[in-house]
C-alpha atoms as a PDB file:
ATOM      1  CA  MET A   1    -233.102 -12.010-152.360  1.00  0.00           C
ATOM      2  CA  HIS A   2    -230.966 -13.839-154.648  1.00  0.00           C
ATOM      3  CA  LEU A   3    -229.908 -11.421-157.225  1.00  0.00           C
ATOM      4  CA  PRO A   4    -227.774 -11.838-160.422  1.00  0.00           C
ATOM      5  CA  PRO A   5    -224.525  -9.751-160.381  1.00  0.00           C
ATOM      6  CA  THR A   6    -225.856  -7.226-163.007  1.00  0.00           C
ATOM      7  CA  GLN A   7    -228.573  -6.359-160.603  1.00  0.00           C
ATOM      8  CA  ILE A   8    -226.439  -5.553-157.575  1.00  0.00           C
ATOM      9  CA  GLY A   9    -226.159  -1.979-156.944  1.00  0.00           C
ATOM     10  CA  LEU A  10    -222.634  -0.617-157.804  1.00  0.00           C
ATOM     11  CA  LYS A  11    -222.106   2.883-156.625  1.00  0.00           C
ATOM     12  CA  ILE A  12    -219.035   3.986-158.770  1.00  0.00           C
ATOM     13  CA  GLN A  13    -218.422   7.858-159.386  1.00  0.00           C
ATOM     14  CA  LYS A  14    -216.250   9.232-162.235  1.00  0.00           C
ATOM     15  CA  GLN A  15    -213.624  11.218-160.580  1.00  0.00           C
ATOM     16  CA  SER A  16    -210.262  10.228-162.050  1.00  0.00           C
ATOM     17  CA  HIS A  17    -208.345   7.991-164.134  1.00  0.00           C
ATOM     18  CA  PHE A  18    -207.988   5.699-161.277  1.00  0.00           C
ATOM     19  CA  ASP A  19    -211.621   5.262-160.832  1.00  0.00           C
ATOM     20  CA  CYS A  20    -211.760   4.368-164.563  1.00  0.00           C
ATOM     21  CA  VAL A  21    -209.278   1.621-163.697  1.00  0.00           C
ATOM     22  CA  ILE A  22    -211.561   0.668-161.004  1.00  0.00           C
ATOM     23  CA  LEU A  23    -214.563   0.537-163.108  1.00  0.00           C
ATOM     24  CA  VAL A  24    -212.977  -1.664-165.689  1.00  0.00           C
ATOM     25  CA  SER A  25    -211.770  -3.896-162.915  1.00  0.00           C
ATOM     26  CA  ILE A  26    -215.337  -4.261-161.369  1.00  0.00           C
ATOM     27  CA  THR A  27    -216.791  -4.897-164.834  1.00  0.00           C
ATOM     28  CA  ARG A  28    -214.513  -7.659-165.263  1.00  0.00           C
ATOM     29  CA  GLY A  29    -215.173  -9.022-161.659  1.00  0.00           C
ATOM     30  CA  GLN A  30    -218.862  -8.892-162.611  1.00  0.00           C
ATOM     31  CA  GLU A  31    -218.382 -10.880-165.727  1.00  0.00           C
ATOM     32  CA  ILE A  32    -216.656 -13.465-163.601  1.00  0.00           C
ATOM     33  CA  HIS A  33    -219.321 -13.483-160.975  1.00  0.00           C
ATOM     34  CA  THR A  34    -221.864 -13.909-163.573  1.00  0.00           C
ATOM     35  CA  THR A  35    -220.234 -16.914-164.743  1.00  0.00           C
ATOM     36  CA  VAL A  36    -220.092 -18.220-161.067  1.00  0.00           C
ATOM     37  CA  PHE A  37    -223.744 -17.282-160.453  1.00  0.00           C
ATOM     38  CA  ASN A  38    -224.856 -19.368-163.671  1.00  0.00           C
ATOM     39  CA  LYS A  39    -222.992 -22.053-162.321  1.00  0.00           C
ATOM     40  CA  GLY A  40    -224.618 -21.988-158.913  1.00  0.00           C
ATOM     41  CA  LEU A  41    -221.052 -21.774-157.263  1.00  0.00           C
ATOM     42  CA  GLU A  42    -221.830 -18.293-155.604  1.00  0.00           C
ATOM     43  CA  ARG A  43    -222.433 -19.683-152.151  1.00  0.00           C
ATOM     44  CA  GLU A  44    -219.099 -21.816-152.254  1.00  0.00           C
ATOM     45  CA  PRO A  45    -216.887 -20.370-149.238  1.00  0.00           C
ATOM     46  CA  LEU A  46    -213.763 -20.093-151.223  1.00  0.00           C
ATOM     47  CA  ILE A  47    -215.272 -18.668-154.396  1.00  0.00           C
ATOM     48  CA  GLY A  48    -217.465 -16.300-152.458  1.00  0.00           C
ATOM     49  CA  ASN A  49    -214.475 -14.953-150.185  1.00  0.00           C
ATOM     50  CA  SER A  50    -212.788 -14.213-153.515  1.00  0.00           C
ATOM     51  CA  LEU A  51    -215.784 -12.337-154.719  1.00  0.00           C
ATOM     52  CA  LEU A  52    -215.815 -10.530-151.404  1.00  0.00           C
ATOM     53  CA  ASP A  53    -212.231  -9.371-151.758  1.00  0.00           C
ATOM     54  CA  MET A  54    -212.608  -8.321-155.233  1.00  0.00           C
ATOM     55  CA  TYR A  55    -215.709  -6.258-154.580  1.00  0.00           C
ATOM     56  CA  ALA A  56    -214.297  -4.685-151.508  1.00  0.00           C
ATOM     57  CA  LYS A  57    -210.986  -3.609-153.112  1.00  0.00           C
ATOM     58  CA  CYS A  58    -213.041  -2.127-155.812  1.00  0.00           C
ATOM     59  CA  GLY A  59    -215.101  -0.055-153.464  1.00  0.00           C
ATOM     60  CA  SER A  60    -218.308  -1.548-154.038  1.00  0.00           C
ATOM     61  CA  LEU A  61    -219.729  -2.036-150.515  1.00  0.00           C
ATOM     62  CA  ILE A  62    -223.153  -2.777-151.544  1.00  0.00           C
ATOM     63  CA  ALA A  63    -221.950  -5.729-153.772  1.00  0.00           C
ATOM     64  CA  THR A  64    -219.648  -6.799-150.976  1.00  0.00           C
ATOM     65  CA  GLN A  65    -222.382  -7.042-148.521  1.00  0.00           C
ATOM     66  CA  TYR A  66    -224.671  -8.694-150.678  1.00  0.00           C
ATOM     67  CA  VAL A  67    -222.088 -11.548-151.416  1.00  0.00           C
ATOM     68  CA  PHE A  68    -221.401 -11.986-147.759  1.00  0.00           C
ATOM     69  CA  ASN A  69    -225.086 -12.342-147.166  1.00  0.00           C
ATOM     70  CA  MET A  70    -225.245 -15.033-149.646  1.00  0.00           C
ATOM     71  CA  LEU A  71    -222.519 -17.111-148.196  1.00  0.00           C
ATOM     72  CA  LEU A  72    -223.657 -20.293-146.319  1.00  0.00           C
ATOM     73  CA  ASP A  73    -220.532 -20.586-144.297  1.00  0.00           C
ATOM     74  CA  ARG A  74    -218.985 -17.217-143.325  1.00  0.00           C
ATOM     75  CA  ASN A  75    -215.544 -17.984-141.912  1.00  0.00           C
ATOM     76  CA  VAL A  76    -212.919 -15.657-140.471  1.00  0.00           C
ATOM     77  CA  VAL A  77    -211.701 -14.928-144.181  1.00  0.00           C
ATOM     78  CA  SER A  78    -215.164 -13.831-145.140  1.00  0.00           C
ATOM     79  CA  TRP A  79    -215.652 -11.426-142.206  1.00  0.00           C
ATOM     80  CA  THR A  80    -212.162  -9.939-142.531  1.00  0.00           C
ATOM     81  CA  ALA A  81    -212.940  -9.226-146.129  1.00  0.00           C
ATOM     82  CA  LEU A  82    -216.059  -7.404-145.178  1.00  0.00           C
ATOM     83  CA  ILE A  83    -214.476  -5.425-142.317  1.00  0.00           C
ATOM     84  CA  GLY A  84    -211.437  -4.568-144.482  1.00  0.00           C
ATOM     85  CA  GLY A  85    -213.725  -3.224-147.214  1.00  0.00           C
ATOM     86  CA  TYR A  86    -215.419  -1.025-144.857  1.00  0.00           C
ATOM     87  CA  VAL A  87    -212.423   0.199-143.390  1.00  0.00           C
ATOM     88  CA  GLU A  88    -210.561   1.005-146.768  1.00  0.00           C
ATOM     89  CA  ASN A  89    -213.757   2.891-147.931  1.00  0.00           C
ATOM     90  CA  GLY A  90    -213.961   5.161-144.904  1.00  0.00           C
ATOM     91  CA  CYS A  91    -216.879   3.287-143.147  1.00  0.00           C
ATOM     92  CA  CYS A  92    -214.943   2.568-139.874  1.00  0.00           C
ATOM     93  CA  PRO A  93    -218.050   2.613-137.659  1.00  0.00           C
ATOM     94  CA  LYS A  94    -219.624  -0.106-139.730  1.00  0.00           C
ATOM     95  CA  ALA A  95    -216.541  -2.109-139.694  1.00  0.00           C
ATOM     96  CA  LEU A  96    -216.440  -1.765-135.847  1.00  0.00           C
ATOM     97  CA  ASP A  97    -220.089  -3.192-135.855  1.00  0.00           C
ATOM     98  CA  CYS A  98    -219.136  -6.066-138.095  1.00  0.00           C
ATOM     99  CA  PHE A  99    -216.313  -6.877-135.806  1.00  0.00           C
ATOM    100  CA  GLU A 100    -218.621  -7.114-132.847  1.00  0.00           C
ATOM    101  CA  LYS A 101    -221.198  -9.300-134.923  1.00  0.00           C
ATOM    102  CA  MET A 102    -218.299 -11.593-135.881  1.00  0.00           C
ATOM    103  CA  HIS A 103    -217.512 -12.016-132.165  1.00  0.00           C
ATOM    104  CA  TYR A 104    -221.046 -12.724-131.239  1.00  0.00           C
ATOM    105  CA  ASP A 105    -220.894 -15.347-134.157  1.00  0.00           C
ATOM    106  CA  GLY A 106    -218.156 -17.147-132.389  1.00  0.00           C
ATOM    107  CA  ILE A 107    -215.617 -16.503-135.264  1.00  0.00           C
ATOM    108  CA  LEU A 108    -212.211 -15.824-133.880  1.00  0.00           C
ATOM    109  CA  ALA A 109    -210.380 -12.908-135.341  1.00  0.00           C
ATOM    110  CA  ASN A 110    -207.024 -13.545-137.032  1.00  0.00           C
ATOM    111  CA  VAL A 111    -203.853 -11.279-137.471  1.00  0.00           C
ATOM    112  CA  VAL A 112    -205.339  -9.695-140.620  1.00  0.00           C
ATOM    113  CA  THR A 113    -208.675  -9.048-138.726  1.00  0.00           C
ATOM    114  CA  PHE A 114    -206.983  -7.333-135.946  1.00  0.00           C
ATOM    115  CA  ILE A 115    -204.805  -5.231-138.225  1.00  0.00           C
ATOM    116  CA  CYS A 116    -208.019  -3.966-140.153  1.00  0.00           C
ATOM    117  CA  ILE A 117    -209.983  -3.209-137.005  1.00  0.00           C
ATOM    118  CA  LEU A 118    -207.110  -1.332-135.133  1.00  0.00           C
ATOM    119  CA  LYS A 119    -206.918   0.691-138.325  1.00  0.00           C
ATOM    120  CA  ALA A 120    -210.552   1.460-137.944  1.00  0.00           C
ATOM    121  CA  CYS A 121    -210.258   2.454-134.490  1.00  0.00           C
ATOM    122  CA  SER A 122    -206.992   4.740-135.399  1.00  0.00           C
ATOM    123  CA  ASN A 123    -209.091   6.453-138.288  1.00  0.00           C
ATOM    124  CA  ILE A 124    -212.056   7.531-136.089  1.00  0.00           C
ATOM    125  CA  LYS A 125    -210.017   7.804-132.802  1.00  0.00           C
ATOM    126  CA  ALA A 126    -212.148   5.328-130.983  1.00  0.00           C
ATOM    127  CA  GLU A 127    -209.640   4.656-128.141  1.00  0.00           C
ATOM    128  CA  SER A 128    -212.088   2.983-126.029  1.00  0.00           C
ATOM    129  CA  ARG A 129    -212.968   0.208-128.428  1.00  0.00           C
ATOM    130  CA  GLY A 130    -209.198   0.002-129.242  1.00  0.00           C
ATOM    131  CA  GLN A 131    -208.352  -0.718-125.742  1.00  0.00           C
ATOM    132  CA  GLU A 132    -211.041  -3.521-125.640  1.00  0.00           C
ATOM    133  CA  ILE A 133    -209.587  -4.981-128.850  1.00  0.00           C
ATOM    134  CA  HIS A 134    -206.241  -4.739-127.252  1.00  0.00           C
ATOM    135  CA  ILE A 135    -207.494  -6.812-124.312  1.00  0.00           C
ATOM    136  CA  VAL A 136    -208.805  -9.394-126.784  1.00  0.00           C
ATOM    137  CA  ILE A 137    -205.372  -9.588-128.650  1.00  0.00           C
ATOM    138  CA  VAL A 138    -203.570 -10.208-125.409  1.00  0.00           C
ATOM    139  CA  LYS A 139    -206.082 -12.972-124.508  1.00  0.00           C
ATOM    140  CA  ARG A 140    -205.585 -14.466-128.043  1.00  0.00           C
ATOM    141  CA  GLY A 141    -201.942 -14.550-127.849  1.00  0.00           C
ATOM    142  CA  PHE A 142    -201.350 -11.977-130.564  1.00  0.00           C
ATOM    143  CA  ALA A 143    -199.589  -9.180-128.591  1.00  0.00           C
ATOM    144  CA  GLY A 144    -196.062 -10.660-129.399  1.00  0.00           C
ATOM    145  CA  ASP A 145    -197.039 -10.429-133.296  1.00  0.00           C
ATOM    146  CA  ASN A 146    -194.862  -7.283-134.373  1.00  0.00           C
ATOM    147  CA  VAL A 147    -197.548  -6.428-137.223  1.00  0.00           C
ATOM    148  CA  VAL A 148    -200.333  -6.347-134.598  1.00  0.00           C
ATOM    149  CA  ALA A 149    -198.105  -4.518-132.152  1.00  0.00           C
ATOM    150  CA  ASN A 150    -197.314  -1.918-134.839  1.00  0.00           C
ATOM    151  CA  GLY A 151    -201.279  -1.642-135.289  1.00  0.00           C
ATOM    152  CA  LEU A 152    -201.595  -0.934-131.606  1.00  0.00           C
ATOM    153  CA  VAL A 153    -198.740   1.546-131.546  1.00  0.00           C
ATOM    154  CA  ASN A 154    -200.377   3.297-134.499  1.00  0.00           C
ATOM    155  CA  MET A 155    -203.889   3.307-132.975  1.00  0.00           C
ATOM    156  CA  TYR A 156    -202.744   4.584-129.543  1.00  0.00           C
ATOM    157  CA  SER A 157    -200.544   7.206-131.159  1.00  0.00           C
ATOM    158  CA  LYS A 158    -203.258   8.518-133.353  1.00  0.00           C
ATOM    159  CA  CYS A 159    -205.595   8.774-130.252  1.00  0.00           C
ATOM    160  CA  GLY A 160    -202.969  10.798-128.290  1.00  0.00           C
ATOM    161  CA  MET A 161    -202.408   7.994-125.883  1.00  0.00           C
ATOM    162  CA  PHE A 162    -198.704   8.124-126.152  1.00  0.00           C
ATOM    163  CA  LEU A 163    -198.012   6.371-122.770  1.00  0.00           C
ATOM    164  CA  GLU A 164    -199.743   3.307-124.114  1.00  0.00           C
ATOM    165  CA  ALA A 165    -198.277   3.536-127.454  1.00  0.00           C
ATOM    166  CA  GLN A 166    -194.756   3.667-125.905  1.00  0.00           C
ATOM    167  CA  ASN A 167    -195.500   0.725-123.606  1.00  0.00           C
ATOM    168  CA  VAL A 168    -196.572  -1.522-126.578  1.00  0.00           C
ATOM    169  CA  PHE A 169    -193.528  -0.374-128.404  1.00  0.00           C
ATOM    170  CA  ASP A 170    -191.047  -1.108-125.667  1.00  0.00           C
ATOM    171  CA  LYS A 171    -192.352  -4.705-125.471  1.00  0.00           C
ATOM    172  CA  LEU A 172    -191.706  -5.320-129.156  1.00  0.00           C
ATOM    173  CA  TYR A 173    -188.979  -7.867-129.741  1.00  0.00           C
ATOM    174  CA  GLY A 174    -186.506  -6.409-132.123  1.00  0.00           C
ATOM    175  CA  SER A 175    -188.154  -3.140-132.881  1.00  0.00           C
ATOM    176  CA  GLY A 176    -187.191  -2.309-136.659  1.00  0.00           C
ATOM    177  CA  THR A 177    -187.659   0.542-138.680  1.00  0.00           C
ATOM    178  CA  VAL A 178    -191.295  -0.026-139.452  1.00  0.00           C
ATOM    179  CA  SER A 179    -192.051   0.029-135.648  1.00  0.00           C
ATOM    180  CA  TRP A 180    -190.095   3.259-135.083  1.00  0.00           C
ATOM    181  CA  ASN A 181    -191.719   4.829-138.063  1.00  0.00           C
ATOM    182  CA  VAL A 182    -195.156   3.926-136.615  1.00  0.00           C
ATOM    183  CA  LEU A 183    -194.358   5.500-133.283  1.00  0.00           C
ATOM    184  CA  ILE A 184    -192.491   8.718-134.808  1.00  0.00           C
ATOM    185  CA  SER A 185    -195.387   9.327-137.229  1.00  0.00           C
ATOM    186  CA  GLY A 186    -197.889   9.348-134.360  1.00  0.00           C
ATOM    187  CA  TYR A 187    -196.141  12.059-132.639  1.00  0.00           C
ATOM    188  CA  ALA A 188    -195.680  13.846-135.719  1.00  0.00           C
ATOM    189  CA  GLN A 189    -199.495  13.847-136.756  1.00  0.00           C
ATOM    190  CA  LEU A 190    -200.152  15.508-133.345  1.00  0.00           C
ATOM    191  CA  GLY A 191    -197.485  18.155-133.901  1.00  0.00           C
ATOM    192  CA  ARG A 192    -195.379  16.780-131.075  1.00  0.00           C
ATOM    193  CA  ASN A 193    -192.110  17.678-133.088  1.00  0.00           C
ATOM    194  CA  ASP A 194    -189.668  17.802-130.001  1.00  0.00           C
ATOM    195  CA  GLU A 195    -190.677  14.228-129.265  1.00  0.00           C
ATOM    196  CA  VAL A 196    -190.172  13.310-132.909  1.00  0.00           C
ATOM    197  CA  PHE A 197    -186.781  14.437-133.094  1.00  0.00           C
ATOM    198  CA  ASN A 198    -185.847  12.937-129.819  1.00  0.00           C
ATOM    199  CA  LEU A 199    -187.164   9.576-130.890  1.00  0.00           C
ATOM    200  CA  LEU A 200    -185.332   9.951-134.116  1.00  0.00           C
ATOM    201  CA  ASN A 201    -182.062  10.596-132.355  1.00  0.00           C
ATOM    202  CA  LYS A 202    -182.677   7.450-130.284  1.00  0.00           C
ATOM    203  CA  PHE A 203    -183.598   5.474-133.351  1.00  0.00           C
ATOM    204  CA  LEU A 204    -180.496   6.301-135.360  1.00  0.00           C
ATOM    205  CA  SER A 205    -178.278   5.766-132.368  1.00  0.00           C
ATOM    206  CA  GLN A 206    -179.374   2.299-132.082  1.00  0.00           C
ATOM    207  CA  HIS A 207    -177.889   1.687-135.757  1.00  0.00           C
ATOM    208  CA  ASP A 208    -181.385   1.220-137.224  1.00  0.00           C
ATOM    209  CA  GLU A 209    -181.290   2.694-140.895  1.00  0.00           C
ATOM    210  CA  PRO A 210    -184.244   5.069-141.852  1.00  0.00           C
ATOM    211  CA  ASN A 211    -186.273   4.166-144.805  1.00  0.00           C
ATOM    212  CA  PRO A 212    -188.135   6.203-147.317  1.00  0.00           C
ATOM    213  CA  MET A 213    -191.170   6.356-144.964  1.00  0.00           C
ATOM    214  CA  THR A 214    -189.026   7.825-142.157  1.00  0.00           C
ATOM    215  CA  PHE A 215    -187.879  10.760-144.386  1.00  0.00           C
ATOM    216  CA  THR A 216    -191.437  11.238-145.498  1.00  0.00           C
ATOM    217  CA  ILE A 217    -192.378  11.867-141.906  1.00  0.00           C
ATOM    218  CA  LEU A 218    -189.512  14.247-141.569  1.00  0.00           C
ATOM    219  CA  LEU A 219    -190.198  16.387-144.616  1.00  0.00           C
ATOM    220  CA  ASN A 220    -193.888  16.717-143.677  1.00  0.00           C
ATOM    221  CA  ILE A 221    -192.643  18.191-140.367  1.00  0.00           C
ATOM    222  CA  CYS A 222    -190.570  20.601-142.099  1.00  0.00           C
ATOM    223  CA  SER A 223    -193.321  21.659-144.529  1.00  0.00           C
ATOM    224  CA  HIS A 224    -195.702  22.118-141.756  1.00  0.00           C
ATOM    225  CA  THR A 225    -193.396  24.220-139.663  1.00  0.00           C
ATOM    226  CA  GLY A 226    -191.645  26.157-142.561  1.00  0.00           C
ATOM    227  CA  LEU A 227    -188.162  24.771-142.123  1.00  0.00           C
ATOM    228  CA  LEU A 228    -187.095  25.132-145.716  1.00  0.00           C
ATOM    229  CA  GLN A 229    -183.341  24.715-145.171  1.00  0.00           C
ATOM    230  CA  GLU A 230    -183.735  21.778-142.841  1.00  0.00           C
ATOM    231  CA  SER A 231    -185.977  20.158-145.583  1.00  0.00           C
ATOM    232  CA  LYS A 232    -183.201  20.558-148.228  1.00  0.00           C
ATOM    233  CA  ARG A 233    -180.645  19.136-145.741  1.00  0.00           C
ATOM    234  CA  CYS A 234    -182.768  16.334-145.101  1.00  0.00           C
ATOM    235  CA  LEU A 235    -183.365  15.499-148.756  1.00  0.00           C
ATOM    236  CA  GLU A 236    -179.485  15.769-149.166  1.00  0.00           C
ATOM    237  CA  THR A 237    -178.796  13.379-146.365  1.00  0.00           C
ATOM    238  CA  MET A 238    -181.237  10.809-147.446  1.00  0.00           C
ATOM    239  CA  VAL A 239    -179.337  10.335-150.647  1.00  0.00           C
ATOM    240  CA  ALA A 240    -175.933  10.859-149.770  1.00  0.00           C
ATOM    241  CA  CYS A 241    -175.767   9.262-146.318  1.00  0.00           C
ATOM    242  CA  TYR A 242    -178.413   6.546-146.598  1.00  0.00           C
ATOM    243  CA  GLY A 243    -178.784   5.873-150.269  1.00  0.00           C
ATOM    244  CA  VAL A 244    -182.559   6.515-150.277  1.00  0.00           C
ATOM    245  CA  ILE A 245    -183.776   7.610-153.678  1.00  0.00           C
ATOM    246  CA  PRO A 246    -186.410  10.321-153.350  1.00  0.00           C
ATOM    247  CA  THR A 247    -190.045   9.468-154.291  1.00  0.00           C
ATOM    248  CA  LEU A 248    -192.757  11.591-155.732  1.00  0.00           C
ATOM    249  CA  GLU A 249    -193.887  11.868-152.086  1.00  0.00           C
ATOM    250  CA  HIS A 250    -190.750  13.394-150.837  1.00  0.00           C
ATOM    251  CA  TYR A 251    -190.555  15.992-153.608  1.00  0.00           C
ATOM    252  CA  GLY A 252    -194.347  16.626-152.870  1.00  0.00           C
ATOM    253  CA  CYS A 253    -193.291  17.572-149.467  1.00  0.00           C
ATOM    254  CA  ILE A 254    -190.804  20.330-150.940  1.00  0.00           C
ATOM    255  CA  VAL A 255    -193.385  21.642-153.068  1.00  0.00           C
ATOM    256  CA  ASP A 256    -195.727  22.092-150.358  1.00  0.00           C
ATOM    257  CA  LEU A 257    -193.263  23.760-148.193  1.00  0.00           C
ATOM    258  CA  LEU A 258    -192.199  26.340-150.869  1.00  0.00           C
ATOM    259  CA  GLY A 259    -195.862  26.901-151.701  1.00  0.00           C
ATOM    260  CA  ARG A 260    -196.693  27.604-147.948  1.00  0.00           C
ATOM    261  CA  ALA A 261    -193.731  29.940-148.048  1.00  0.00           C
ATOM    262  CA  GLY A 262    -194.998  31.838-151.181  1.00  0.00           C
ATOM    263  CA  ARG A 263    -192.139  30.726-153.185  1.00  0.00           C
ATOM    264  CA  LEU A 264    -194.421  29.613-156.153  1.00  0.00           C
ATOM    265  CA  ASP A 265    -191.903  29.742-158.913  1.00  0.00           C
ATOM    266  CA  GLU A 266    -189.573  27.720-156.923  1.00  0.00           C
ATOM    267  CA  ALA A 267    -192.064  25.043-156.393  1.00  0.00           C
ATOM    268  CA  ASN A 268    -193.065  24.762-159.972  1.00  0.00           C
ATOM    269  CA  ALA A 269    -189.423  24.448-160.871  1.00  0.00           C
ATOM    270  CA  VAL A 270    -189.210  21.697-158.691  1.00  0.00           C
ATOM    271  CA  ILE A 271    -192.256  19.951-160.201  1.00  0.00           C
ATOM    272  CA  SER A 272    -190.783  20.686-163.857  1.00  0.00           C
ATOM    273  CA  GLN A 273    -187.764  18.629-162.640  1.00  0.00           C
ATOM    274  CA  MET A 274    -189.438  15.701-161.083  1.00  0.00           C
ATOM    275  CA  PRO A 275    -188.646  12.296-162.886  1.00  0.00           C
ATOM    276  CA  PHE A 276    -192.213  11.327-162.118  1.00  0.00           C
ATOM    277  CA  ILE A 277    -195.731  11.597-163.453  1.00  0.00           C
ATOM    278  CA  ILE A 278    -197.201  14.297-161.235  1.00  0.00           C
ATOM    279  CA  ASN A 279    -200.407  13.441-159.401  1.00  0.00           C
ATOM    280  CA  LEU A 280    -203.421  15.299-158.346  1.00  0.00           C
ATOM    281  CA  SER A 281    -202.106  15.533-154.875  1.00  0.00           C
ATOM    282  CA  VAL A 282    -198.932  17.602-155.905  1.00  0.00           C
ATOM    283  CA  TRP A 283    -200.896  19.832-158.332  1.00  0.00           C
ATOM    284  CA  ASN A 284    -203.586  20.643-155.759  1.00  0.00           C
ATOM    285  CA  SER A 285    -200.892  21.596-153.053  1.00  0.00           C
ATOM    286  CA  LEU A 286    -199.458  24.097-155.394  1.00  0.00           C
ATOM    287  CA  PHE A 287    -202.854  25.183-156.648  1.00  0.00           C
ATOM    288  CA  GLY A 288    -204.133  25.934-153.115  1.00  0.00           C
ATOM    289  CA  ALA A 289    -200.934  28.170-152.594  1.00  0.00           C
ATOM    290  CA  CYS A 290    -201.744  29.924-155.644  1.00  0.00           C
ATOM    291  CA  GLN A 291    -205.096  30.623-154.349  1.00  0.00           C
ATOM    292  CA  LYS A 292    -203.722  32.087-151.165  1.00  0.00           C
ATOM    293  CA  GLN A 293    -201.132  34.172-153.023  1.00  0.00           C
ATOM    294  CA  GLY A 294    -203.593  35.303-155.815  1.00  0.00           C
ATOM    295  CA  CYS A 295    -201.154  34.141-158.525  1.00  0.00           C
ATOM    296  CA  THR A 296    -203.365  34.087-161.629  1.00  0.00           C
ATOM    297  CA  LYS A 297    -200.983  33.193-164.245  1.00  0.00           C
ATOM    298  CA  LEU A 298    -199.475  30.411-162.500  1.00  0.00           C
ATOM    299  CA  GLY A 299    -202.856  29.201-161.156  1.00  0.00           C
ATOM    300  CA  ARG A 300    -204.255  29.112-164.675  1.00  0.00           C
ATOM    301  CA  LEU A 301    -201.246  26.769-165.657  1.00  0.00           C
ATOM    302  CA  ILE A 302    -201.916  24.553-162.630  1.00  0.00           C
ATOM    303  CA  PHE A 303    -205.744  24.496-163.286  1.00  0.00           C
ATOM    304  CA  SER A 304    -205.040  23.110-166.668  1.00  0.00           C
ATOM    305  CA  HIS A 305    -202.952  20.138-165.210  1.00  0.00           C
ATOM    306  CA  ILE A 306    -205.503  19.410-162.707  1.00  0.00           C
ATOM    307  CA  VAL A 307    -208.497  19.240-165.136  1.00  0.00           C
ATOM    308  CA  GLU A 308    -206.467  17.192-167.491  1.00  0.00           C
ATOM    309  CA  LEU A 309    -206.085  14.494-164.986  1.00  0.00           C
ATOM    310  CA  ASP A 310    -209.736  14.899-163.783  1.00  0.00           C
ATOM    311  CA  GLU A 311    -212.044  17.066-165.751  1.00  0.00           C
ATOM    312  CA  ASP A 312    -214.907  16.891-163.122  1.00  0.00           C
ATOM    313  CA  HIS A 313    -212.543  18.175-160.214  1.00  0.00           C
ATOM    314  CA  ALA A 314    -215.134  20.584-158.718  1.00  0.00           C
ATOM    315  CA  ALA A 315    -212.780  22.354-156.090  1.00  0.00           C
ATOM    316  CA  ALA A 316    -210.446  23.165-159.059  1.00  0.00           C
ATOM    317  CA  TYR A 317    -213.127  25.298-160.666  1.00  0.00           C
ATOM    318  CA  VAL A 318    -213.983  26.872-157.247  1.00  0.00           C
ATOM    319  CA  GLY A 319    -210.333  27.533-156.770  1.00  0.00           C
ATOM    320  CA  LEU A 320    -209.866  29.217-160.045  1.00  0.00           C
ATOM    321  CA  GLY A 321    -212.892  31.334-159.417  1.00  0.00           C
ATOM    322  CA  ASN A 322    -211.175  32.495-156.221  1.00  0.00           C
ATOM    323  CA  ILE A 323    -208.056  33.494-157.919  1.00  0.00           C
ATOM    324  CA  TYR A 324    -209.887  35.375-160.501  1.00  0.00           C
ATOM    325  CA  ALA A 325    -211.803  37.278-157.828  1.00  0.00           C
ATOM    326  CA  THR A 326    -208.557  38.056-155.755  1.00  0.00           C
ATOM    327  CA  ASP A 327    -207.183  39.534-158.916  1.00  0.00           C
ATOM    328  CA  LEU A 328    -210.107  41.521-159.712  1.00  0.00           C
ATOM    329  CA  GLY A 329    -209.942  42.614-156.089  1.00  0.00           C
ATOM    330  CA  ARG A 330    -206.556  44.131-156.710  1.00  0.00           C
ATOM    331  CA  ASP A 331    -207.613  45.934-159.653  1.00  0.00           C
ATOM    332  CA  VAL A 332    -210.365  47.827-157.983  1.00  0.00           C
END
């Protein structure tokens, strides 16, 4: 059915300021779509692909699929926009189905398509499908592309297939910092910390310089293993030795670590000194620690920050109730 843009189902949930930005973007996109629709240009490949990309990035998969279905000429750009939309919005099995249909339609994937579909395999640990796609990548001559190869390393690492990941990595021409980070991150996510530090030492011995992501990986390891002093040294080293300016994510790792260690006042002090606007992720991290420690005063303060950013944050209300329940339990 050929529907005007205003009648296409758009599922947008109010969750945060970010969602409001998305809602504004998609409303403006709909206005443009209406103009395109009225001029009868909706089925033009170039315009249709642009609409596809816009709806996919705004998270409106119903509209994305609708525009895709309306296209008369579905090329690799169309299919990739659809697949990428499903991957970025957590519908990885659907993305894999689309990739298979694209193949049956005789459309050859490009570098961007392979990157998207490898990410889908990584997210749902579909190692068998990933291996099949790897064979296609080799046959198509894309195995030598560093970006695609990094996608393969990431996919194999997240699936726990480290021999395969290392094999792809070893064949990379001039493996740079990004490639090293992908391999190190894979080991880190599965708790293989000894391998992480062995790889890091090898990485540094080859005169490659770590970047902010390298230190994010290391600080996350410190956070999840309670290595407080090591995390502080890591933060100092990244600034003093490599000139890497700490980001919100780096400080967030320190806050998470201090929270896990029950050092809530220190964690809150770190937050107060951050030269950034604090996001929900950091507040939620410390709020979770307050729940575990039954810290009512600080918990109430953090709760107010969370609902200021997102007044409909259901987990925050549940968490505050848990904090009060713990506090009452101590009084009994």
